């Protein structure tokens, strides 16, 4: 089932998400709903808070960016209860967007490498290292679990310049092709 994407100004996007228990009811369906919602919204990543559920889960499919970064071929993964264990390498700038902040893209600086621990859908634990665009996508989605949005990482000047656009999103004044949950 395709779920609505919660947009900028919705309180759930600012909460630190809680860990998921292995035996939570409806988890298998929620995993499927997350993937369906991400694909229907033309996203490459989606975190649970973006669909109104404040739990530590995100899904990523980096294959649409494979042309820019061949390491993204077949990079599809569900991350449950992730923890970024290390960040490293040089800080890199890259333009980011977000389904929860429609029609806005900004340059964001992030470390180029990460090490992350997480559980897969079978609740098997993994520790893996990622670099490049994969590391960026993971950090972006991970931030959602911490109540952080990419606009929090831009310069104060750029943020002031976006104030009107962000206010318009909160008022529901935007157009997208996917289902959204607007601020009440």
Protein backbone atom coordinates (compact mmCIF):
# COMPACT_ATOMS: atom_id res chain seq x y z
CA UNK A 1 0.00 0.00 0.00
CA UNK A 2 1.28 3.45 -0.87
CA UNK A 3 1.43 5.65 2.22
CA UNK A 4 1.28 9.45 2.26
CA UNK A 5 4.61 11.26 2.62
CA UNK A 6 4.60 13.72 5.53
CA UNK A 7 5.90 17.15 4.55
CA UNK A 8 8.00 19.86 6.14
CA UNK A 9 6.39 21.23 9.30
CA UNK A 10 4.87 17.92 10.39
CA UNK A 11 6.01 17.20 13.98
CA UNK A 12 6.91 13.53 13.35
CA UNK A 13 9.78 14.71 11.12
CA UNK A 14 11.44 16.37 14.13
CA UNK A 15 11.27 13.46 16.59
CA UNK A 16 14.10 11.06 17.37
CA UNK A 17 12.72 7.70 16.25
CA UNK A 18 12.48 4.71 18.57
CA UNK A 19 14.02 1.31 17.91
CA UNK A 20 11.95 -1.42 16.28
CA UNK A 21 11.29 -4.67 18.13
CA UNK A 22 11.75 -7.86 16.12
CA UNK A 23 8.26 -9.11 16.92
CA UNK A 24 6.33 -5.89 16.23
CA UNK A 25 2.98 -6.53 14.67
CA UNK A 26 2.59 -5.66 11.00
CA UNK A 27 6.30 -5.23 10.35
CA UNK A 28 6.43 -7.30 7.13
CA UNK A 29 3.58 -5.27 5.63
CA UNK A 30 5.21 -2.02 6.74
CA UNK A 31 8.45 -3.00 4.94
CA UNK A 32 6.45 -3.59 1.73
CA UNK A 33 4.53 -0.33 2.18
CA UNK A 34 7.80 1.59 2.57
CA UNK A 35 9.16 0.20 -0.71
CA UNK A 36 5.85 0.80 -2.53
CA UNK A 37 5.71 4.38 -1.26
CA UNK A 38 9.33 5.14 -2.17
CA UNK A 39 8.92 3.81 -5.71
CA UNK A 40 5.55 5.51 -6.29
CA UNK A 41 7.08 8.80 -5.09
CA UNK A 42 10.15 8.41 -7.36
CA UNK A 43 12.48 8.45 -4.37
CA UNK A 44 15.81 6.71 -3.87
CA UNK A 45 15.41 6.57 -0.11
CA UNK A 46 12.60 6.78 2.42
CA UNK A 47 12.69 6.84 6.22
CA UNK A 48 9.81 5.69 8.41
CA UNK A 49 9.21 9.17 9.94
CA UNK A 50 8.49 10.41 6.41
CA UNK A 51 5.38 8.22 6.40
CA UNK A 52 4.36 9.20 9.92
CA UNK A 53 5.91 6.33 11.86
CA UNK A 54 8.63 7.35 14.30
CA UNK A 55 10.68 4.15 14.17
CA UNK A 56 14.31 3.50 13.18
CA UNK A 57 13.88 2.16 9.67
CA UNK A 58 14.75 3.34 6.19
CA UNK A 59 14.88 1.83 2.72
CA UNK A 60 17.23 2.74 -0.11
CA UNK A 61 17.42 1.92 -3.80
CA UNK A 62 20.39 3.73 -5.28
CA UNK A 63 20.20 2.05 -8.69
CA UNK A 64 18.70 5.11 -10.45
CA UNK A 65 22.03 6.86 -9.76
CA UNK A 66 24.13 3.95 -11.05
CA UNK A 67 25.20 5.98 -14.09
CA UNK A 68 26.79 8.60 -11.80
CA UNK A 69 28.23 5.98 -9.43
CA UNK A 70 28.59 2.39 -10.72
CA UNK A 71 28.91 1.08 -7.14
CA UNK A 72 25.17 1.75 -6.76
CA UNK A 73 24.28 -1.08 -9.14
CA UNK A 74 21.86 -3.33 -7.24
CA UNK A 75 22.19 -1.18 -4.09
CA UNK A 76 18.81 -1.94 -2.51
CA UNK A 77 18.65 -2.33 1.24
CA UNK A 78 16.37 -2.08 4.26
CA UNK A 79 18.12 -0.65 7.32
CA UNK A 80 16.52 -1.47 10.69
CA UNK A 81 17.72 0.17 13.92
CA UNK A 82 20.78 1.61 12.17
CA UNK A 83 23.60 3.36 13.99
CA UNK A 84 26.32 5.25 12.18
CA UNK A 85 29.47 4.03 13.90
CA UNK A 86 32.06 6.16 12.09
CA UNK A 87 32.17 9.05 9.66
CA UNK A 88 35.33 9.87 7.76
CA UNK A 89 37.08 10.96 4.64
CA UNK A 90 36.84 14.41 3.18
CA UNK A 91 33.70 16.50 3.45
CA UNK A 92 31.98 16.60 0.08
CA UNK A 93 29.29 18.91 -1.27
CA UNK A 94 26.39 17.47 -3.27
CA UNK A 95 22.91 18.69 -4.16
CA UNK A 96 20.19 16.96 -2.15
CA UNK A 97 16.43 16.92 -2.26
CA UNK A 98 13.80 15.23 -0.10
CA UNK A 99 10.30 13.88 -0.64
CA UNK A 100 9.27 15.64 2.58
CA UNK A 101 10.57 18.99 1.32
CA UNK A 102 9.13 19.03 -2.19
CA UNK A 103 10.60 21.09 -5.01
CA UNK A 104 13.65 22.28 -3.05
CA UNK A 105 17.21 21.14 -3.73
CA UNK A 106 20.29 22.50 -1.97
CA UNK A 107 24.00 21.83 -1.69
CA UNK A 108 24.77 19.88 1.50
CA UNK A 109 28.20 19.06 2.95
CA UNK A 110 28.65 15.55 4.35
CA UNK A 111 31.57 13.21 5.10
CA UNK A 112 32.33 10.99 2.10
CA UNK A 113 32.62 7.73 4.09
CA UNK A 114 30.64 6.02 6.84
CA UNK A 115 30.56 2.79 8.79
CA UNK A 116 27.07 1.71 9.80
CA UNK A 117 25.64 -1.08 11.93
CA UNK A 118 22.07 -2.20 11.19
CA UNK A 119 19.67 -5.14 11.05
CA UNK A 120 18.22 -6.47 7.80
CA UNK A 121 14.60 -7.65 7.38
CA UNK A 122 15.54 -11.04 8.88
CA UNK A 123 16.97 -9.18 11.92
CA UNK A 124 20.50 -10.27 11.07
CA UNK A 125 23.08 -7.72 12.20
CA UNK A 126 25.54 -6.19 9.71
CA UNK A 127 28.37 -3.68 9.91
CA UNK A 128 29.32 -2.20 6.57
CA UNK A 129 31.32 0.67 5.15
CA UNK A 130 30.04 2.91 2.39
CA UNK A 131 31.49 5.77 0.43
CA UNK A 132 30.43 8.24 -2.23
CA UNK A 133 26.78 8.66 -3.09
CA UNK A 134 25.75 5.54 -1.12
CA UNK A 135 27.19 7.08 2.06
CA UNK A 136 25.38 10.34 1.31
CA UNK A 137 22.00 8.65 0.78
CA UNK A 138 22.41 6.65 3.99
CA UNK A 139 23.36 9.77 5.98
CA UNK A 140 20.37 11.68 4.58
CA UNK A 141 17.92 8.92 5.55
CA UNK A 142 19.64 8.34 8.89
CA UNK A 143 19.21 12.03 9.71
CA UNK A 144 15.43 11.54 9.41
CA UNK A 145 15.64 9.04 12.28
CA UNK A 146 17.33 11.71 14.37
CA UNK A 147 14.74 14.39 13.55
CA UNK A 148 17.15 16.22 11.22
CA UNK A 149 16.28 17.49 7.74
CA UNK A 150 18.75 18.38 5.00
CA UNK A 151 17.73 22.03 5.29
CA UNK A 152 19.22 21.98 8.80
CA UNK A 153 22.62 21.42 7.21
CA UNK A 154 22.66 24.37 4.83
CA UNK A 155 24.10 27.78 5.59
CA UNK A 156 21.99 30.23 7.65
CA UNK A 157 21.90 32.57 4.65
CA UNK A 158 20.55 29.87 2.30
CA UNK A 159 18.01 28.84 4.94
CA UNK A 160 16.78 32.44 5.26
CA UNK A 161 16.48 32.59 1.49
CA UNK A 162 14.31 29.43 1.56
CA UNK A 163 12.07 30.65 4.38
CA UNK A 164 9.24 31.61 2.02
CA UNK A 165 9.35 28.30 0.14
CA UNK A 166 9.43 26.31 3.37
CA UNK A 167 6.49 28.34 4.68
CA UNK A 168 4.58 27.59 1.48
CA UNK A 169 5.17 23.86 1.98
CA UNK A 170 3.79 24.12 5.51
CA UNK A 171 0.70 25.85 4.09
CA UNK A 172 0.25 23.12 1.47
CA UNK A 173 1.16 25.37 -1.45
CA UNK A 174 3.12 22.97 -3.66
CA UNK A 175 2.49 20.40 -6.35
CA UNK A 176 3.84 16.85 -6.42
CA UNK A 177 2.78 13.68 -8.18
CA UNK A 178 2.76 11.54 -5.03
CA UNK A 179 0.42 11.24 -2.05
CA UNK A 180 1.29 13.60 0.81
CA UNK A 181 0.14 14.34 4.35
CA UNK A 182 0.09 18.08 4.78
CA UNK A 183 0.58 20.02 8.00
CA UNK A 184 -2.65 20.60 9.92
